[in-house]
N, C-alpha and C. Protein backbone atom coordinates (compact mmCIF):
# COMPACT_ATOMS: atom_id res chain seq x y z
N UNK A 1 82.58 99.35 112.18
CA UNK A 1 82.46 99.61 110.76
C UNK A 1 81.09 99.12 110.27
N UNK A 2 80.54 99.85 109.37
CA UNK A 2 79.24 99.54 108.80
C UNK A 2 79.42 98.58 107.63
N UNK A 3 78.56 97.59 107.55
CA UNK A 3 78.61 96.63 106.45
C UNK A 3 77.52 96.98 105.45
N UNK A 4 77.89 97.71 104.42
CA UNK A 4 76.89 98.19 103.48
C UNK A 4 77.32 97.98 102.03
N UNK A 5 77.87 96.82 101.74
CA UNK A 5 78.35 96.53 100.40
C UNK A 5 77.25 96.69 99.35
N UNK A 6 76.06 96.13 99.54
CA UNK A 6 75.04 96.29 98.48
C UNK A 6 74.67 97.74 98.21
N UNK A 7 74.51 98.53 99.26
CA UNK A 7 74.15 99.95 99.05
C UNK A 7 75.27 100.73 98.38
N UNK A 8 76.50 100.53 98.84
CA UNK A 8 77.64 101.21 98.25
C UNK A 8 77.79 100.79 96.79
N UNK A 9 77.68 99.51 96.52
CA UNK A 9 77.83 99.00 95.15
C UNK A 9 76.74 99.55 94.24
N UNK A 10 75.52 99.62 94.74
CA UNK A 10 74.41 100.15 93.94
C UNK A 10 74.65 101.62 93.62
N UNK A 11 75.03 102.40 94.62
CA UNK A 11 75.29 103.82 94.40
C UNK A 11 76.44 104.01 93.41
N UNK A 12 77.45 103.17 93.49
CA UNK A 12 78.60 103.27 92.58
C UNK A 12 78.18 102.96 91.15
N UNK A 13 77.44 101.89 90.96
CA UNK A 13 76.99 101.50 89.61
C UNK A 13 76.11 102.58 89.00
N UNK A 14 75.17 103.12 89.77
CA UNK A 14 74.30 104.18 89.25
C UNK A 14 75.08 105.44 88.90
N UNK A 15 76.03 105.80 89.74
CA UNK A 15 76.84 106.98 89.46
C UNK A 15 77.73 106.76 88.23
N UNK A 16 78.29 105.58 88.11
CA UNK A 16 79.12 105.29 86.92
C UNK A 16 78.29 105.34 85.64
N UNK A 17 77.05 104.89 85.71
CA UNK A 17 76.18 104.96 84.54
C UNK A 17 75.92 106.42 84.15
N UNK A 18 75.80 107.29 85.14
CA UNK A 18 75.55 108.71 84.87
C UNK A 18 76.77 109.43 84.31
N UNK A 19 77.94 108.81 84.36
CA UNK A 19 79.13 109.43 83.77
C UNK A 19 78.97 109.59 82.26
N UNK A 20 78.10 108.80 81.67
CA UNK A 20 77.89 108.85 80.22
C UNK A 20 76.81 109.86 79.81
N UNK A 21 76.23 110.53 80.77
CA UNK A 21 75.17 111.50 80.48
C UNK A 21 75.75 112.90 80.32
N UNK A 22 74.97 113.79 79.69
CA UNK A 22 75.46 115.17 79.53
C UNK A 22 75.46 115.91 80.86
N UNK A 23 76.09 117.10 80.85
CA UNK A 23 76.10 117.95 82.02
C UNK A 23 74.68 118.38 82.33
N UNK A 24 74.28 118.60 83.54
CA UNK A 24 75.08 118.52 84.75
C UNK A 24 75.09 117.13 85.38
N UNK A 25 74.40 116.17 84.78
CA UNK A 25 74.36 114.83 85.39
C UNK A 25 75.75 114.22 85.54
N UNK A 26 76.62 114.46 84.55
CA UNK A 26 77.99 113.92 84.62
C UNK A 26 78.74 114.51 85.82
N UNK A 27 78.62 115.80 86.05
CA UNK A 27 79.34 116.39 87.17
C UNK A 27 78.78 115.92 88.51
N UNK A 28 77.46 115.72 88.59
CA UNK A 28 76.89 115.16 89.83
C UNK A 28 77.39 113.74 90.04
N UNK A 29 77.52 112.97 88.95
CA UNK A 29 78.03 111.59 89.06
C UNK A 29 79.46 111.59 89.60
N UNK A 30 80.28 112.49 89.09
CA UNK A 30 81.66 112.58 89.59
C UNK A 30 81.67 112.94 91.07
N UNK A 31 80.83 113.90 91.45
CA UNK A 31 80.75 114.29 92.86
C UNK A 31 80.32 113.11 93.73
N UNK A 32 79.34 112.35 93.26
CA UNK A 32 78.88 111.17 94.00
C UNK A 32 80.02 110.17 94.18
N UNK A 33 80.75 109.90 93.10
CA UNK A 33 81.83 108.91 93.16
C UNK A 33 82.95 109.36 94.08
N UNK A 34 83.25 110.64 94.08
CA UNK A 34 84.29 111.16 94.99
C UNK A 34 83.89 110.86 96.44
N UNK A 35 82.65 111.20 96.78
CA UNK A 35 82.22 110.98 98.17
C UNK A 35 82.06 109.49 98.49
N UNK A 36 81.63 108.70 97.54
CA UNK A 36 81.52 107.26 97.79
C UNK A 36 82.88 106.65 98.12
N UNK A 37 83.90 107.02 97.36
CA UNK A 37 85.23 106.48 97.65
C UNK A 37 85.76 107.02 98.97
N UNK A 38 85.46 108.26 99.29
CA UNK A 38 85.86 108.80 100.59
C UNK A 38 85.18 108.00 101.71
N UNK A 39 83.88 107.77 101.57
CA UNK A 39 83.13 107.06 102.61
C UNK A 39 83.46 105.57 102.69
N UNK A 40 84.03 105.02 101.62
CA UNK A 40 84.38 103.60 101.66
C UNK A 40 85.38 103.31 102.77
N UNK A 41 86.09 104.32 103.23
CA UNK A 41 87.04 104.13 104.32
C UNK A 41 86.34 103.97 105.67
N UNK A 42 85.06 104.34 105.73
CA UNK A 42 84.30 104.18 106.97
C UNK A 42 83.56 102.86 107.03
N UNK A 43 83.50 102.19 105.93
CA UNK A 43 82.73 100.96 105.85
C UNK A 43 83.63 99.81 105.44
N UNK A 44 83.15 98.62 105.65
CA UNK A 44 83.91 97.45 105.23
C UNK A 44 82.93 96.35 104.86
N UNK A 45 83.34 95.50 103.93
CA UNK A 45 82.46 94.37 103.61
C UNK A 45 82.46 93.39 104.78
N UNK A 46 81.37 92.67 104.99
CA UNK A 46 81.34 91.71 106.08
C UNK A 46 82.39 90.63 105.87
N UNK A 47 82.98 90.17 106.96
CA UNK A 47 84.02 89.15 106.86
C UNK A 47 83.46 87.85 106.29
N UNK A 48 82.25 87.51 106.67
CA UNK A 48 81.63 86.29 106.17
C UNK A 48 80.30 86.65 105.52
N UNK A 49 80.38 87.19 104.33
CA UNK A 49 79.17 87.61 103.63
C UNK A 49 78.38 86.39 103.17
N UNK A 50 77.04 86.43 103.30
CA UNK A 50 76.22 85.31 102.84
C UNK A 50 76.30 85.13 101.32
N UNK A 51 76.52 86.21 100.63
CA UNK A 51 76.67 86.14 99.17
C UNK A 51 77.83 87.04 98.79
N UNK A 52 78.39 86.79 97.63
CA UNK A 52 79.52 87.61 97.17
C UNK A 52 79.06 89.06 96.99
N UNK A 53 79.93 90.00 97.33
CA UNK A 53 79.56 91.40 97.13
C UNK A 53 79.35 91.69 95.65
N UNK A 54 78.57 92.72 95.37
CA UNK A 54 78.30 93.09 94.00
C UNK A 54 79.56 93.54 93.28
N UNK A 55 80.41 94.25 93.95
CA UNK A 55 81.64 94.77 93.37
C UNK A 55 82.79 94.55 94.34
N UNK A 56 84.00 94.45 93.83
CA UNK A 56 85.13 94.35 94.76
C UNK A 56 85.21 95.59 95.63
N UNK A 57 85.52 95.40 96.90
CA UNK A 57 85.59 96.52 97.83
C UNK A 57 86.95 97.18 97.70
N UNK A 58 87.00 98.52 97.58
CA UNK A 58 88.30 99.17 97.43
C UNK A 58 89.07 99.21 98.75
N UNK A 59 90.38 98.91 98.66
CA UNK A 59 91.19 99.12 99.85
C UNK A 59 91.49 100.61 99.96
N UNK A 60 92.15 101.03 101.03
CA UNK A 60 92.38 102.46 101.27
C UNK A 60 93.16 103.11 100.13
N UNK A 61 94.16 102.41 99.60
CA UNK A 61 94.96 102.99 98.51
C UNK A 61 94.13 103.17 97.25
N UNK A 62 93.31 102.19 96.93
CA UNK A 62 92.45 102.28 95.74
C UNK A 62 91.39 103.36 95.92
N UNK A 63 90.81 103.44 97.11
CA UNK A 63 89.80 104.47 97.38
C UNK A 63 90.41 105.86 97.23
N UNK A 64 91.60 106.05 97.75
CA UNK A 64 92.29 107.33 97.62
C UNK A 64 92.55 107.65 96.15
N UNK A 65 93.09 106.69 95.42
CA UNK A 65 93.42 106.89 94.02
C UNK A 65 92.18 107.28 93.22
N UNK A 66 91.09 106.55 93.41
CA UNK A 66 89.85 106.80 92.67
C UNK A 66 89.25 108.16 93.04
N UNK A 67 89.17 108.46 94.33
CA UNK A 67 88.59 109.73 94.77
C UNK A 67 89.36 110.90 94.19
N UNK A 68 90.68 110.82 94.22
CA UNK A 68 91.50 111.92 93.70
C UNK A 68 91.41 112.02 92.18
N UNK A 69 91.34 110.89 91.50
CA UNK A 69 91.21 110.92 90.03
C UNK A 69 89.88 111.54 89.62
N UNK A 70 88.80 111.17 90.30
CA UNK A 70 87.49 111.75 90.00
C UNK A 70 87.47 113.24 90.34
N UNK A 71 88.13 113.63 91.44
CA UNK A 71 88.19 115.04 91.81
C UNK A 71 88.96 115.84 90.77
N UNK A 72 90.05 115.28 90.28
CA UNK A 72 90.83 115.94 89.23
C UNK A 72 89.98 116.13 87.98
N UNK A 73 89.24 115.08 87.61
CA UNK A 73 88.38 115.16 86.43
C UNK A 73 87.28 116.20 86.62
N UNK A 74 86.67 116.21 87.78
CA UNK A 74 85.60 117.19 88.05
C UNK A 74 86.15 118.61 87.97
N UNK A 75 87.32 118.82 88.54
CA UNK A 75 87.93 120.14 88.49
C UNK A 75 88.25 120.57 87.06
N UNK A 76 88.54 119.61 86.20
CA UNK A 76 88.88 119.91 84.81
C UNK A 76 87.66 120.23 83.96
N UNK A 77 86.56 119.49 84.15
CA UNK A 77 85.40 119.65 83.25
C UNK A 77 84.36 120.65 83.74
N UNK A 78 84.44 121.05 85.01
CA UNK A 78 83.38 121.91 85.54
C UNK A 78 83.57 123.35 85.08
N UNK A 79 82.45 124.02 84.94
CA UNK A 79 82.45 125.42 84.54
C UNK A 79 82.65 126.30 85.77
N UNK A 80 83.21 127.46 85.56
CA UNK A 80 83.44 128.40 86.66
C UNK A 80 82.11 128.67 87.39
N UNK A 81 82.13 128.59 88.71
CA UNK A 81 80.94 128.85 89.51
C UNK A 81 79.98 127.67 89.57
N UNK A 82 80.40 126.51 89.11
CA UNK A 82 79.56 125.31 89.06
C UNK A 82 78.92 125.00 90.41
N UNK A 83 77.59 124.86 90.41
CA UNK A 83 76.86 124.49 91.63
C UNK A 83 77.35 123.14 92.15
N UNK A 84 77.61 122.21 91.24
CA UNK A 84 78.04 120.87 91.64
C UNK A 84 79.36 120.93 92.41
N UNK A 85 80.30 121.71 91.92
CA UNK A 85 81.60 121.82 92.59
C UNK A 85 81.46 122.57 93.92
N UNK A 86 80.70 123.65 93.92
CA UNK A 86 80.50 124.40 95.17
C UNK A 86 79.85 123.51 96.23
N UNK A 87 78.86 122.74 95.82
CA UNK A 87 78.16 121.86 96.75
C UNK A 87 79.10 120.77 97.29
N UNK A 88 79.87 120.17 96.39
CA UNK A 88 80.80 119.13 96.83
C UNK A 88 81.88 119.72 97.73
N UNK A 89 82.39 120.89 97.42
CA UNK A 89 83.39 121.53 98.29
C UNK A 89 82.84 121.72 99.70
N UNK A 90 81.59 122.19 99.80
CA UNK A 90 80.98 122.35 101.13
C UNK A 90 80.88 121.01 101.86
N UNK A 91 80.46 119.98 101.14
CA UNK A 91 80.31 118.67 101.76
C UNK A 91 81.66 118.11 102.21
N UNK A 92 82.65 118.17 101.36
CA UNK A 92 83.97 117.63 101.70
C UNK A 92 84.59 118.44 102.83
N UNK A 93 84.36 119.73 102.85
CA UNK A 93 84.87 120.58 103.93
C UNK A 93 84.30 120.13 105.27
N UNK A 94 83.07 119.65 105.28
CA UNK A 94 82.48 119.13 106.54
C UNK A 94 83.30 117.97 107.10
N UNK A 95 83.83 117.13 106.21
CA UNK A 95 84.65 116.01 106.69
C UNK A 95 85.95 116.50 107.33
N UNK A 96 86.45 117.62 106.87
CA UNK A 96 87.68 118.18 107.41
C UNK A 96 87.40 118.94 108.71
N UNK A 97 86.40 119.81 108.70
CA UNK A 97 86.16 120.68 109.84
C UNK A 97 85.30 120.06 110.94
N UNK A 98 84.27 119.36 110.57
CA UNK A 98 83.35 118.82 111.57
C UNK A 98 83.69 117.38 111.91
N UNK A 99 83.84 116.55 110.90
CA UNK A 99 84.04 115.13 111.12
C UNK A 99 85.41 114.81 111.70
N UNK A 100 86.36 115.70 111.48
CA UNK A 100 87.72 115.45 111.93
C UNK A 100 87.79 115.18 113.43
N UNK A 101 87.01 115.90 114.23
CA UNK A 101 87.01 115.68 115.68
C UNK A 101 86.54 114.27 116.02
N UNK A 102 85.50 113.82 115.36
CA UNK A 102 84.98 112.47 115.59
C UNK A 102 85.96 111.43 115.09
N UNK A 103 86.51 111.67 113.91
CA UNK A 103 87.41 110.70 113.28
C UNK A 103 88.64 110.43 114.14
N UNK A 104 89.22 111.47 114.70
CA UNK A 104 90.41 111.28 115.52
C UNK A 104 90.13 110.40 116.73
N UNK A 105 88.96 110.53 117.31
CA UNK A 105 88.59 109.73 118.49
C UNK A 105 88.40 108.26 118.14
N UNK A 106 88.13 107.97 116.87
CA UNK A 106 87.83 106.60 116.45
C UNK A 106 88.87 106.03 115.49
N UNK A 107 90.04 106.66 115.41
CA UNK A 107 91.12 106.15 114.58
C UNK A 107 90.86 106.26 113.08
N UNK A 108 90.12 107.26 112.66
CA UNK A 108 89.78 107.41 111.23
C UNK A 108 90.36 108.71 110.66
N UNK A 109 91.50 109.11 111.15
CA UNK A 109 92.10 110.37 110.71
C UNK A 109 92.40 110.37 109.22
N UNK A 110 92.61 109.19 108.63
CA UNK A 110 92.90 109.14 107.19
C UNK A 110 91.74 109.68 106.37
N UNK A 111 90.53 109.62 106.89
CA UNK A 111 89.37 110.15 106.17
C UNK A 111 89.50 111.67 106.01
N UNK A 112 89.83 112.37 107.07
CA UNK A 112 90.00 113.82 106.99
C UNK A 112 91.19 114.16 106.11
N UNK A 113 92.24 113.36 106.16
CA UNK A 113 93.40 113.59 105.31
C UNK A 113 93.04 113.48 103.83
N UNK A 114 92.28 112.46 103.48
CA UNK A 114 91.85 112.30 102.10
C UNK A 114 90.91 113.44 101.70
N UNK A 115 90.03 113.84 102.60
CA UNK A 115 89.13 114.96 102.30
C UNK A 115 89.93 116.22 101.99
N UNK A 116 90.99 116.47 102.74
CA UNK A 116 91.84 117.64 102.48
C UNK A 116 92.49 117.53 101.11
N UNK A 117 92.96 116.34 100.74
CA UNK A 117 93.56 116.14 99.42
C UNK A 117 92.55 116.38 98.30
N UNK A 118 91.33 115.91 98.50
CA UNK A 118 90.27 116.10 97.50
C UNK A 118 90.04 117.60 97.29
N UNK A 119 89.99 118.36 98.37
CA UNK A 119 89.76 119.80 98.26
C UNK A 119 90.83 120.50 97.43
N UNK A 120 92.06 119.98 97.46
CA UNK A 120 93.12 120.61 96.67
C UNK A 120 92.90 120.40 95.17
N UNK A 121 92.12 119.40 94.79
CA UNK A 121 91.86 119.11 93.38
C UNK A 121 90.66 119.87 92.83
N UNK A 122 89.82 120.38 93.71
CA UNK A 122 88.60 121.06 93.28
C UNK A 122 88.80 122.56 93.21
N UNK A 123 88.31 123.20 92.16
CA UNK A 123 88.43 124.64 92.07
C UNK A 123 87.71 125.33 93.23
N UNK A 124 88.33 126.39 93.72
CA UNK A 124 87.71 127.19 94.78
C UNK A 124 87.46 128.59 94.22
N UNK A 125 86.25 128.81 93.76
CA UNK A 125 85.91 130.07 93.12
C UNK A 125 85.60 131.17 94.12
N UNK A 126 85.65 130.85 95.42
CA UNK A 126 85.41 131.88 96.42
C UNK A 126 86.64 132.78 96.58
N UNK A 127 87.78 132.29 96.05
CA UNK A 127 89.01 133.07 96.12
C UNK A 127 89.24 133.76 94.79
N UNK A 128 89.69 135.01 94.82
CA UNK A 128 89.91 135.74 93.56
C UNK A 128 91.07 135.17 92.76
């Protein structure tokens, strides 16, 4: 597991700040937060950190809850054909189709499972 608490925390804080901005920055912020919570399952805070982490690290249940809540919100506020949603759908699909093979070999199947759940919350405008 990668120990990247400062980077993850910084990305989370910056994305949360962008939630207060107008579109399209708000939708990009939601997309960032969805992927950050998904990726939090691949990383862990160091067991003996030299300093306290910037933010509490989400456990798997909290990461799932947050990722799905942000995905639901993004699906609700995005406009039909939104570049942000299309881009995020492609990215999350990679975790299901490409990363799934790697994840299974390393005991990270829950990541692909969460990615599949996220996709159910996002509009798919490629279908009529």
